[in-house]
Amino acid sequence: MFEEIHNNEASEQEEVVLKVIIQRHGPKLSASGEKNQLATYFADSVKQGFQVTGISEGEGLVHVNSSPVTRAADTAKIDIAELSHTQHRFKDMVVKKEALAVLFQPLADAEDPRFARDLERIVKMQKKIEPEVREEVLLEESNLVSEEKEAEIRNVIDMRVLTVLFNDVHTNKKTFETSYTELADKFAERYKGFLQHIGMLKERKREGGRQPVDEPYVQVDITHSFPVMCFLKKYLVFADGVSAESLSPEDFFERTGGIIRESGFMEMLYISNSNKDLKEEKMAIAIRGSFGKGQEFSGEVSF
């Protein structure tokens, strides 16, 4: 379904009402920890990431939200500055403490101390494995420039920690207090909620509002690698019908091309099928991403 919609070859009954772009923040300075020091090329990286999203095309309405963490909020500000050079209508960034906000961040969910404790565990784990990962990446990726090597080190560290988190569900002795499925569920609340508004958005278009009929509404959510990958691990069904939840962490990362890259993104299309032969309108959420080395994945979200 996704490829048909993306290539404008879908049947007349199918309509992309909403496009959600889930973007990771720009690059931070250090490979481990949660410090908000940004890489020197932060702005350039975010601008390049924005251009790849294709948001610059069109005139429709775009909403931009970010997690409250500084590097995410700064990414949103750059996106909004880039939007100001397009024909799009857009609303200013709104920083909210909700499912969009980074999980494992005390700022995101201060009332639940488990997240704060697990964040501390993640930081300690990142610092512990960084020397080993750095040595491996510098040896295996000697052809990369310095900035690319540092980004790859950060990505590999996150994948190692996520592997432990994903495997926690199969062990009696847990490393983390919060399961990846719980984090996925919390992140998914926002995107389940969007389903309730699709009918309203369709009606608003039909009533001759300012939204171009041939353009979906666009929502940009700027967040972090952990909630995105937990969400995909539980809810993504690949185009060939294989559930990400059934895969080992290694096979899952093999199919996605790793984790969502800094300044990178994935997109979800909320597709309405209004076939008159159907007793009720059908909704689907198609998904696509490209996390590294030119590899793409696609499929659907299965709530």
C-alpha atoms as a PDB file:
ATOM      1  CA  MET A   1       0.000   0.000   0.000  1.00  0.00           C
ATOM      2  CA  PHE A   2       2.722   2.478   0.952  1.00  0.00           C
ATOM      3  CA  GLU A   3       4.588   2.320  -2.337  1.00  0.00           C
ATOM      4  CA  GLU A   4       1.374   2.843  -4.287  1.00  0.00           C
ATOM      5  CA  ILE A   5       0.455   5.915  -2.263  1.00  0.00           C
ATOM      6  CA  HIS A   6       3.965   7.318  -2.336  1.00  0.00           C
ATOM      7  CA  ASN A   7       4.127   6.999  -6.109  1.00  0.00           C
ATOM      8  CA  ASN A   8       0.629   8.429  -6.618  1.00  0.00           C
ATOM      9  CA  GLU A   9      -0.573   5.177  -8.159  1.00  0.00           C
ATOM     10  CA  ALA A  10      -3.185   4.397  -5.524  1.00  0.00           C
ATOM     11  CA  SER A  11      -6.820   3.835  -6.323  1.00  0.00           C
ATOM     12  CA  GLU A  12      -9.211   6.789  -6.243  1.00  0.00           C
ATOM     13  CA  GLN A  13     -10.732   5.555  -2.982  1.00  0.00           C
ATOM     14  CA  GLU A  14      -7.491   5.942  -1.044  1.00  0.00           C
ATOM     15  CA  GLU A  15      -6.446   9.316   0.288  1.00  0.00           C
ATOM     16  CA  VAL A  16      -3.423  10.338   2.344  1.00  0.00           C
ATOM     17  CA  VAL A  17      -5.030  12.689   4.853  1.00  0.00           C
ATOM     18  CA  LEU A  18      -2.105  13.215   7.219  1.00  0.00           C
ATOM     19  CA  LYS A  19       1.644  12.776   6.868  1.00  0.00           C
ATOM     20  CA  VAL A  20       3.577  12.479  10.135  1.00  0.00           C
ATOM     21  CA  ILE A  21       7.315  13.029   9.949  1.00  0.00           C
ATOM     22  CA  ILE A  22       9.106  11.713  13.011  1.00  0.00           C
ATOM     23  CA  GLN A  23      12.524  13.319  13.053  1.00  0.00           C
ATOM     24  CA  ARG A  24      15.451  12.716  15.362  1.00  0.00           C
ATOM     25  CA  HIS A  25      17.235  15.732  16.803  1.00  0.00           C
ATOM     26  CA  GLY A  26      20.501  16.984  15.316  1.00  0.00           C
ATOM     27  CA  PRO A  27      23.912  15.666  16.401  1.00  0.00           C
ATOM     28  CA  LYS A  28      25.141  16.159  19.919  1.00  0.00           C
ATOM     29  CA  LEU A  29      28.794  16.564  20.787  1.00  0.00           C
ATOM     30  CA  SER A  30      29.515  13.488  22.894  1.00  0.00           C
ATOM     31  CA  ALA A  31      28.963   9.859  22.052  1.00  0.00           C
ATOM     32  CA  SER A  32      27.496   9.001  25.450  1.00  0.00           C
ATOM     33  CA  GLY A  33      25.442  10.696  28.120  1.00  0.00           C
ATOM     34  CA  GLU A  34      22.594  13.164  28.001  1.00  0.00           C
ATOM     35  CA  LYS A  35      24.486  16.451  27.899  1.00  0.00           C
ATOM     36  CA  ASN A  36      23.030  19.105  25.634  1.00  0.00           C
ATOM     37  CA  GLN A  37      26.303  20.223  24.068  1.00  0.00           C
ATOM     38  CA  LEU A  38      25.748  20.242  20.331  1.00  0.00           C
ATOM     39  CA  ALA A  39      28.137  19.234  17.576  1.00  0.00           C
ATOM     40  CA  THR A  40      29.742  22.114  15.708  1.00  0.00           C
ATOM     41  CA  TYR A  41      27.911  21.031  12.526  1.00  0.00           C
ATOM     42  CA  PHE A  42      24.531  20.742  14.280  1.00  0.00           C
ATOM     43  CA  ALA A  43      22.724  23.421  12.247  1.00  0.00           C
ATOM     44  CA  ASP A  44      24.075  22.230   8.897  1.00  0.00           C
ATOM     45  CA  SER A  45      23.063  18.658   9.696  1.00  0.00           C
ATOM     46  CA  VAL A  46      19.508  19.645  10.648  1.00  0.00           C
ATOM     47  CA  LYS A  47      19.103  21.806   7.531  1.00  0.00           C
ATOM     48  CA  GLN A  48      20.235  18.930   5.314  1.00  0.00           C
ATOM     49  CA  GLY A  49      17.833  16.609   7.124  1.00  0.00           C
ATOM     50  CA  PHE A  50      14.976  19.045   6.578  1.00  0.00           C
ATOM     51  CA  GLN A  51      15.608  19.191   2.841  1.00  0.00           C
ATOM     52  CA  VAL A  52      15.448  15.397   2.524  1.00  0.00           C
ATOM     53  CA  THR A  53      11.992  15.257   4.129  1.00  0.00           C
ATOM     54  CA  GLY A  54      10.424  16.952   1.114  1.00  0.00           C
ATOM     55  CA  ILE A  55       8.461  19.338   3.346  1.00  0.00           C
ATOM     56  CA  SER A  56       9.634  22.276   1.251  1.00  0.00           C
ATOM     57  CA  GLU A  57       7.257  21.210  -1.540  1.00  0.00           C
ATOM     58  CA  GLY A  58       3.644  22.365  -1.328  1.00  0.00           C
ATOM     59  CA  GLU A  59       1.598  25.016   0.423  1.00  0.00           C
ATOM     60  CA  GLY A  60      -0.352  23.100   3.072  1.00  0.00           C
ATOM     61  CA  LEU A  61      -0.425  23.389   6.836  1.00  0.00           C
ATOM     62  CA  VAL A  62       2.527  22.081   8.854  1.00  0.00           C
ATOM     63  CA  HIS A  63       2.633  21.663  12.628  1.00  0.00           C
ATOM     64  CA  VAL A  64       5.999  21.315  14.388  1.00  0.00           C
ATOM     65  CA  ASN A  65       6.356  19.835  17.864  1.00  0.00           C
ATOM     66  CA  SER A  66       9.422  18.733  19.775  1.00  0.00           C
ATOM     67  CA  SER A  67      10.383  17.071  22.991  1.00  0.00           C
ATOM     68  CA  PRO A  68      11.424  19.544  25.718  1.00  0.00           C
ATOM     69  CA  VAL A  69      15.086  18.481  25.570  1.00  0.00           C
ATOM     70  CA  THR A  70      17.340  21.293  24.330  1.00  0.00           C
ATOM     71  CA  ARG A  71      18.806  19.520  21.291  1.00  0.00           C
ATOM     72  CA  ALA A  72      15.306  18.592  20.112  1.00  0.00           C
ATOM     73  CA  ALA A  73      13.899  22.082  20.698  1.00  0.00           C
ATOM     74  CA  ASP A  74      16.877  23.599  18.833  1.00  0.00           C
ATOM     75  CA  THR A  75      16.225  21.211  15.946  1.00  0.00           C
ATOM     76  CA  ALA A  76      12.612  22.401  15.811  1.00  0.00           C
ATOM     77  CA  LYS A  77      13.701  26.037  15.684  1.00  0.00           C
ATOM     78  CA  ILE A  78      15.882  25.323  12.655  1.00  0.00           C
ATOM     79  CA  ASP A  79      13.051  23.415  10.940  1.00  0.00           C
ATOM     80  CA  ILE A  80      10.728  26.355  11.497  1.00  0.00           C
ATOM     81  CA  ALA A  81      13.313  28.771  10.106  1.00  0.00           C
ATOM     82  CA  GLU A  82      13.568  26.562   7.009  1.00  0.00           C
ATOM     83  CA  LEU A  83       9.773  26.461   6.715  1.00  0.00           C
ATOM     84  CA  SER A  84       9.685  30.252   6.667  1.00  0.00           C
ATOM     85  CA  HIS A  85      11.312  30.111   3.222  1.00  0.00           C
ATOM     86  CA  THR A  86       8.521  27.928   1.788  1.00  0.00           C
ATOM     87  CA  GLN A  87       4.906  28.580   0.832  1.00  0.00           C
ATOM     88  CA  HIS A  88       3.624  26.460   3.697  1.00  0.00           C
ATOM     89  CA  ARG A  89       1.451  27.748   6.482  1.00  0.00           C
ATOM     90  CA  PHE A  90       2.880  26.596   9.785  1.00  0.00           C
ATOM     91  CA  LYS A  91       2.404  26.980  13.499  1.00  0.00           C
ATOM     92  CA  ASP A  92       5.206  27.811  15.879  1.00  0.00           C
ATOM     93  CA  MET A  93       6.911  25.104  17.846  1.00  0.00           C
ATOM     94  CA  VAL A  94       5.012  23.822  20.845  1.00  0.00           C
ATOM     95  CA  VAL A  95       7.067  22.141  23.550  1.00  0.00           C
ATOM     96  CA  LYS A  96       4.951  19.636  25.422  1.00  0.00           C
ATOM     97  CA  LYS A  97       5.534  17.077  28.127  1.00  0.00           C
ATOM     98  CA  GLU A  98       3.579  14.242  26.524  1.00  0.00           C
ATOM     99  CA  ALA A  99       4.115  10.960  24.709  1.00  0.00           C
ATOM    100  CA  LEU A 100       6.184  12.823  22.137  1.00  0.00           C
ATOM    101  CA  ALA A 101       8.730  13.851  24.763  1.00  0.00           C
ATOM    102  CA  VAL A 102      11.764  11.644  25.218  1.00  0.00           C
ATOM    103  CA  LEU A 103      11.112   8.611  27.376  1.00  0.00           C
ATOM    104  CA  PHE A 104      13.879   7.791  29.825  1.00  0.00           C
ATOM    105  CA  GLN A 105      14.015  11.554  30.494  1.00  0.00           C
ATOM    106  CA  PRO A 106      13.073  12.879  33.940  1.00  0.00           C
ATOM    107  CA  LEU A 107      11.899  16.043  32.217  1.00  0.00           C
ATOM    108  CA  ALA A 108       9.500  14.012  30.119  1.00  0.00           C
ATOM    109  CA  ASP A 109       7.795  12.111  32.915  1.00  0.00           C
ATOM    110  CA  ALA A 110       8.891  13.465  36.268  1.00  0.00           C
ATOM    111  CA  GLU A 111       6.037  11.806  38.132  1.00  0.00           C
ATOM    112  CA  ASP A 112       7.436   8.350  37.346  1.00  0.00           C
ATOM    113  CA  PRO A 113      10.918   7.984  38.901  1.00  0.00           C
ATOM    114  CA  ARG A 114      11.558   4.750  36.986  1.00  0.00           C
ATOM    115  CA  PHE A 115      12.344   6.788  33.870  1.00  0.00           C
ATOM    116  CA  ALA A 116      14.931   8.862  35.726  1.00  0.00           C
ATOM    117  CA  ARG A 117      16.589   5.765  37.174  1.00  0.00           C
ATOM    118  CA  ASP A 118      16.633   4.035  33.794  1.00  0.00           C
ATOM    119  CA  LEU A 119      18.124   7.122  32.187  1.00  0.00           C
ATOM    120  CA  GLU A 120      20.984   6.934  34.690  1.00  0.00           C
ATOM    121  CA  ARG A 121      21.464   3.267  33.779  1.00  0.00           C
ATOM    122  CA  ILE A 122      21.591   4.114  30.089  1.00  0.00           C
ATOM    123  CA  VAL A 123      24.187   6.839  30.611  1.00  0.00           C
ATOM    124  CA  LYS A 124      26.386   4.505  32.663  1.00  0.00           C
ATOM    125  CA  MET A 125      26.064   1.768  30.048  1.00  0.00           C
ATOM    126  CA  GLN A 126      26.914   4.186  27.232  1.00  0.00           C
ATOM    127  CA  LYS A 127      30.057   5.374  28.998  1.00  0.00           C
ATOM    128  CA  LYS A 128      31.125   1.819  29.788  1.00  0.00           C
ATOM    129  CA  ILE A 129      30.869   0.495  26.236  1.00  0.00           C
ATOM    130  CA  GLU A 130      32.072   3.641  24.422  1.00  0.00           C
ATOM    131  CA  PRO A 131      35.826   2.744  24.376  1.00  0.00           C
ATOM    132  CA  GLU A 132      35.129  -0.683  22.878  1.00  0.00           C
ATOM    133  CA  VAL A 133      32.658   0.664  20.313  1.00  0.00           C
ATOM    134  CA  ARG A 134      34.982   3.514  19.372  1.00  0.00           C
ATOM    135  CA  GLU A 135      37.826   1.103  18.693  1.00  0.00           C
ATOM    136  CA  GLU A 136      35.577  -1.119  16.556  1.00  0.00           C
ATOM    137  CA  VAL A 137      34.132   1.738  14.492  1.00  0.00           C
ATOM    138  CA  LEU A 138      37.484   3.413  13.890  1.00  0.00           C
ATOM    139  CA  LEU A 139      38.848   0.095  12.642  1.00  0.00           C
ATOM    140  CA  GLU A 140      35.853  -0.991  10.543  1.00  0.00           C
ATOM    141  CA  GLU A 141      34.846   2.440   9.174  1.00  0.00           C
ATOM    142  CA  SER A 142      38.261   3.901   8.427  1.00  0.00           C
ATOM    143  CA  ASN A 143      36.940   5.372   5.168  1.00  0.00           C
ATOM    144  CA  LEU A 144      34.528   7.726   6.953  1.00  0.00           C
ATOM    145  CA  VAL A 145      35.371  11.332   7.716  1.00  0.00           C
ATOM    146  CA  SER A 146      35.710  12.365  11.353  1.00  0.00           C
ATOM    147  CA  GLU A 147      32.131  13.635  11.757  1.00  0.00           C
ATOM    148  CA  GLU A 148      30.691  10.464  10.207  1.00  0.00           C
ATOM    149  CA  LYS A 149      32.813   8.269  12.486  1.00  0.00           C
ATOM    150  CA  GLU A 150      31.562  10.072  15.590  1.00  0.00           C
ATOM    151  CA  ALA A 151      27.958   9.750  14.415  1.00  0.00           C
ATOM    152  CA  GLU A 152      28.453   6.037  13.767  1.00  0.00           C
ATOM    153  CA  ILE A 153      29.958   5.574  17.239  1.00  0.00           C
ATOM    154  CA  ARG A 154      26.870   7.185  18.780  1.00  0.00           C
ATOM    155  CA  ASN A 155      24.575   5.011  16.678  1.00  0.00           C
ATOM    156  CA  VAL A 156      26.337   1.756  17.540  1.00  0.00           C
ATOM    157  CA  ILE A 157      26.318   2.621  21.249  1.00  0.00           C
ATOM    158  CA  ASP A 158      22.565   3.235  21.122  1.00  0.00           C
ATOM    159  CA  MET A 159      21.983  -0.030  19.250  1.00  0.00           C
ATOM    160  CA  ARG A 160      23.943  -1.962  21.877  1.00  0.00           C
ATOM    161  CA  VAL A 161      21.894  -0.445  24.696  1.00  0.00           C
ATOM    162  CA  LEU A 162      18.624  -0.961  22.814  1.00  0.00           C
ATOM    163  CA  THR A 163      19.556  -4.605  22.248  1.00  0.00           C
ATOM    164  CA  VAL A 164      19.758  -5.092  26.017  1.00  0.00           C
ATOM    165  CA  LEU A 165      16.434  -3.279  26.454  1.00  0.00           C
ATOM    166  CA  PHE A 166      14.723  -5.388  23.778  1.00  0.00           C
ATOM    167  CA  ASN A 167      16.109  -8.637  25.223  1.00  0.00           C
ATOM    168  CA  ASP A 168      14.938  -7.720  28.729  1.00  0.00           C
ATOM    169  CA  VAL A 169      11.475  -9.091  27.924  1.00  0.00           C
ATOM    170  CA  HIS A 170      12.959 -12.594  27.623  1.00  0.00           C
ATOM    171  CA  THR A 171      14.941 -12.622  30.879  1.00  0.00           C
ATOM    172  CA  ASN A 172      14.029 -12.968  34.534  1.00  0.00           C
ATOM    173  CA  LYS A 173      16.750 -10.589  35.697  1.00  0.00           C
ATOM    174  CA  LYS A 174      15.880  -7.211  34.214  1.00  0.00           C
ATOM    175  CA  THR A 175      18.479  -4.557  33.414  1.00  0.00           C
ATOM    176  CA  PHE A 176      15.870  -1.788  33.204  1.00  0.00           C
ATOM    177  CA  GLU A 177      12.785  -1.085  35.277  1.00  0.00           C
ATOM    178  CA  THR A 178      10.790  -0.044  32.211  1.00  0.00           C
ATOM    179  CA  SER A 179      10.165  -2.453  29.348  1.00  0.00           C
ATOM    180  CA  TYR A 180      10.529  -1.423  25.729  1.00  0.00           C
ATOM    181  CA  THR A 181       6.894  -2.424  25.148  1.00  0.00           C
ATOM    182  CA  GLU A 182       5.747   0.009  27.824  1.00  0.00           C
ATOM    183  CA  LEU A 183       7.792   2.778  26.240  1.00  0.00           C
ATOM    184  CA  ALA A 184       6.401   1.873  22.821  1.00  0.00           C
ATOM    185  CA  ASP A 185       2.845   2.013  24.162  1.00  0.00           C
ATOM    186  CA  LYS A 186       3.368   5.437  25.657  1.00  0.00           C
ATOM    187  CA  PHE A 187       4.882   6.823  22.466  1.00  0.00           C
ATOM    188  CA  ALA A 188       2.077   5.232  20.416  1.00  0.00           C
ATOM    189  CA  GLU A 189      -0.660   7.043  22.368  1.00  0.00           C
ATOM    190  CA  ARG A 190      -0.027  10.171  20.327  1.00  0.00           C
ATOM    191  CA  TYR A 191      -0.295   8.415  16.976  1.00  0.00           C
ATOM    192  CA  LYS A 192      -3.349   6.408  17.940  1.00  0.00           C
ATOM    193  CA  GLY A 193      -4.936   9.702  18.925  1.00  0.00           C
ATOM    194  CA  PHE A 194      -4.357  11.149  15.465  1.00  0.00           C
ATOM    195  CA  LEU A 195      -6.687   8.497  14.045  1.00  0.00           C
ATOM    196  CA  GLN A 196      -9.604  10.160  15.833  1.00  0.00           C
ATOM    197  CA  HIS A 197      -9.053  13.397  13.909  1.00  0.00           C
ATOM    198  CA  ILE A 198      -8.754  12.065  10.354  1.00  0.00           C
ATOM    199  CA  GLY A 199     -12.458  12.446   9.629  1.00  0.00           C
ATOM    200  CA  MET A 200     -12.408  16.054  10.816  1.00  0.00           C
ATOM    201  CA  LEU A 201      -9.386  16.832   8.623  1.00  0.00           C
ATOM    202  CA  LYS A 202     -11.091  15.315   5.581  1.00  0.00           C
ATOM    203  CA  GLU A 203     -14.221  17.366   6.185  1.00  0.00           C
ATOM    204  CA  ARG A 204     -12.186  20.537   6.589  1.00  0.00           C
ATOM    205  CA  LYS A 205     -10.685  19.954   3.140  1.00  0.00           C
ATOM    206  CA  ARG A 206     -14.064  19.285   1.546  1.00  0.00           C
ATOM    207  CA  GLU A 207     -15.480  22.493   2.968  1.00  0.00           C
ATOM    208  CA  GLY A 208     -13.107  24.502   0.796  1.00  0.00           C
ATOM    209  CA  GLY A 209     -10.678  25.615   3.460  1.00  0.00           C
ATOM    210  CA  ARG A 210      -7.141  26.831   2.908  1.00  0.00           C
ATOM    211  CA  GLN A 211      -5.649  23.332   2.775  1.00  0.00           C
ATOM    212  CA  PRO A 212      -4.931  22.233  -0.835  1.00  0.00           C
ATOM    213  CA  VAL A 213      -7.125  19.246  -1.709  1.00  0.00           C
ATOM    214  CA  ASP A 214      -4.210  17.277  -3.146  1.00  0.00           C
ATOM    215  CA  GLU A 215      -1.929  17.746  -0.115  1.00  0.00           C
ATOM    216  CA  PRO A 216      -1.971  15.908   3.208  1.00  0.00           C
ATOM    217  CA  TYR A 217      -1.698  17.846   6.430  1.00  0.00           C
ATOM    218  CA  VAL A 218       1.841  17.534   7.809  1.00  0.00           C
ATOM    219  CA  GLN A 219       2.861  16.957  11.416  1.00  0.00           C
ATOM    220  CA  VAL A 220       6.571  17.095  12.314  1.00  0.00           C
ATOM    221  CA  ASP A 221       7.518  15.515  15.651  1.00  0.00           C
ATOM    222  CA  ILE A 222      11.130  15.906  16.769  1.00  0.00           C
ATOM    223  CA  THR A 223      12.209  13.330  19.287  1.00  0.00           C
ATOM    224  CA  HIS A 224      14.959  10.829  20.136  1.00  0.00           C
ATOM    225  CA  SER A 225      16.254   7.440  19.048  1.00  0.00           C
ATOM    226  CA  PHE A 226      15.001   5.325  21.952  1.00  0.00           C
ATOM    227  CA  PRO A 227      11.252   6.053  21.767  1.00  0.00           C
ATOM    228  CA  VAL A 228      11.296   5.786  17.962  1.00  0.00           C
ATOM    229  CA  MET A 229      13.020   2.407  17.918  1.00  0.00           C
ATOM    230  CA  CYS A 230      10.875   1.005  20.755  1.00  0.00           C
ATOM    231  CA  PHE A 231       7.769   2.086  18.834  1.00  0.00           C
ATOM    232  CA  LEU A 232       8.966   0.403  15.641  1.00  0.00           C
ATOM    233  CA  LYS A 233      10.036  -2.775  17.434  1.00  0.00           C
ATOM    234  CA  LYS A 234       6.547  -3.304  18.818  1.00  0.00           C
ATOM    235  CA  TYR A 235       4.243  -1.869  16.165  1.00  0.00           C
ATOM    236  CA  LEU A 236       5.952  -2.141  12.764  1.00  0.00           C
ATOM    237  CA  VAL A 237       4.867  -4.866  10.356  1.00  0.00           C
ATOM    238  CA  PHE A 238       7.248  -4.950   7.415  1.00  0.00           C
ATOM    239  CA  ALA A 239       5.976  -4.919   3.832  1.00  0.00           C
ATOM    240  CA  ASP A 240       6.473  -8.690   3.566  1.00  0.00           C
ATOM    241  CA  GLY A 241       4.195  -9.283   6.574  1.00  0.00           C
ATOM    242  CA  VAL A 242       6.933  -9.980   9.136  1.00  0.00           C
ATOM    243  CA  SER A 243       6.276  -8.400  12.524  1.00  0.00           C
ATOM    244  CA  ALA A 244       9.216  -6.501  14.017  1.00  0.00           C
ATOM    245  CA  GLU A 245       8.124  -7.734  17.436  1.00  0.00           C
ATOM    246  CA  SER A 246       8.844 -11.334  16.386  1.00  0.00           C
ATOM    247  CA  LEU A 247      12.429 -10.580  15.369  1.00  0.00           C
ATOM    248  CA  SER A 248      15.614 -10.668  17.390  1.00  0.00           C
ATOM    249  CA  PRO A 249      17.174  -7.219  17.944  1.00  0.00           C
ATOM    250  CA  GLU A 250      19.921  -8.093  15.459  1.00  0.00           C
ATOM    251  CA  ASP A 251      17.472  -9.100  12.709  1.00  0.00           C
ATOM    252  CA  PHE A 252      15.317  -6.058  13.431  1.00  0.00           C
ATOM    253  CA  PHE A 253      18.265  -3.679  13.028  1.00  0.00           C
ATOM    254  CA  GLU A 254      19.351  -5.536   9.906  1.00  0.00           C
ATOM    255  CA  ARG A 255      15.959  -4.846   8.326  1.00  0.00           C
ATOM    256  CA  THR A 256      15.778  -1.179   9.349  1.00  0.00           C
ATOM    257  CA  GLY A 257      19.398  -0.400   8.521  1.00  0.00           C
ATOM    258  CA  GLY A 258      20.171   0.388  12.156  1.00  0.00           C
ATOM    259  CA  ILE A 259      18.616   3.123  14.271  1.00  0.00           C
ATOM    260  CA  ILE A 260      17.137   6.433  13.185  1.00  0.00           C
ATOM    261  CA  ARG A 261      20.048   8.751  12.444  1.00  0.00           C
ATOM    262  CA  GLU A 262      20.640  12.174  13.956  1.00  0.00           C
ATOM    263  CA  SER A 263      18.699  14.712  11.840  1.00  0.00           C
ATOM    264  CA  GLY A 264      17.140  11.693  10.096  1.00  0.00           C
ATOM    265  CA  PHE A 265      13.468  10.821   9.909  1.00  0.00           C
ATOM    266  CA  MET A 266      10.776   8.314   9.083  1.00  0.00           C
ATOM    267  CA  GLU A 267       7.297   9.083   7.807  1.00  0.00           C
ATOM    268  CA  MET A 268       3.865   7.698   8.542  1.00  0.00           C
ATOM    269  CA  LEU A 269       0.965   8.197   6.152  1.00  0.00           C
ATOM    270  CA  TYR A 270      -2.572   8.090   7.516  1.00  0.00           C
ATOM    271  CA  ILE A 271      -4.523   6.614   4.617  1.00  0.00           C
ATOM    272  CA  SER A 272      -8.309   6.690   4.368  1.00  0.00           C
ATOM    273  CA  ASN A 273     -10.075   4.176   2.145  1.00  0.00           C
ATOM    274  CA  SER A 274     -13.581   5.460   1.447  1.00  0.00           C
ATOM    275  CA  ASN A 275     -14.688   2.709  -0.939  1.00  0.00           C
ATOM    276  CA  LYS A 276     -18.483   2.917  -1.183  1.00  0.00           C
ATOM    277  CA  ASP A 277     -18.723  -0.875  -1.192  1.00  0.00           C
ATOM    278  CA  LEU A 278     -17.322  -0.972   2.332  1.00  0.00           C
ATOM    279  CA  LYS A 279     -19.732  -0.710   5.225  1.00  0.00           C
ATOM    280  CA  GLU A 280     -17.376   1.599   7.061  1.00  0.00           C
ATOM    281  CA  GLU A 281     -14.343   3.672   6.232  1.00  0.00           C
ATOM    282  CA  LYS A 282     -11.044   1.836   6.580  1.00  0.00           C
ATOM    283  CA  MET A 283      -7.903   3.446   7.928  1.00  0.00           C
ATOM    284  CA  ALA A 284      -4.294   2.344   7.566  1.00  0.00           C
ATOM    285  CA  ILE A 285      -1.001   3.842   8.657  1.00  0.00           C
ATOM    286  CA  ALA A 286       1.772   3.203   6.161  1.00  0.00           C
ATOM    287  CA  ILE A 287       5.359   3.742   7.208  1.00  0.00           C
ATOM    288  CA  ARG A 288       8.713   4.198   5.526  1.00  0.00           C
ATOM    289  CA  GLY A 289      12.230   4.976   6.667  1.00  0.00           C
ATOM    290  CA  SER A 290      15.856   4.908   5.590  1.00  0.00           C
ATOM    291  CA  PHE A 291      18.202   4.822   8.563  1.00  0.00           C
ATOM    292  CA  GLY A 292      21.531   4.219   6.926  1.00  0.00           C
ATOM    293  CA  LYS A 293      23.716   3.008   4.084  1.00  0.00           C
ATOM    294  CA  GLY A 294      21.023   3.576   1.487  1.00  0.00           C
ATOM    295  CA  GLN A 295      18.771   0.859   2.888  1.00  0.00           C
ATOM    296  CA  GLU A 296      15.025   1.513   3.024  1.00  0.00           C
ATOM    297  CA  PHE A 297      12.230  -0.271   4.859  1.00  0.00           C
ATOM    298  CA  SER A 298       8.482   0.035   4.581  1.00  0.00           C
ATOM    299  CA  GLY A 299       5.361  -1.493   6.015  1.00  0.00           C
ATOM    300  CA  GLU A 300       2.398  -0.607   8.197  1.00  0.00           C
ATOM    301  CA  VAL A 301       1.782   0.286  11.820  1.00  0.00           C
ATOM    302  CA  SER A 302      -0.333  -2.352  13.543  1.00  0.00           C
ATOM    303  CA  PHE A 303      -1.976  -1.085  16.750  1.00  0.00           C
END
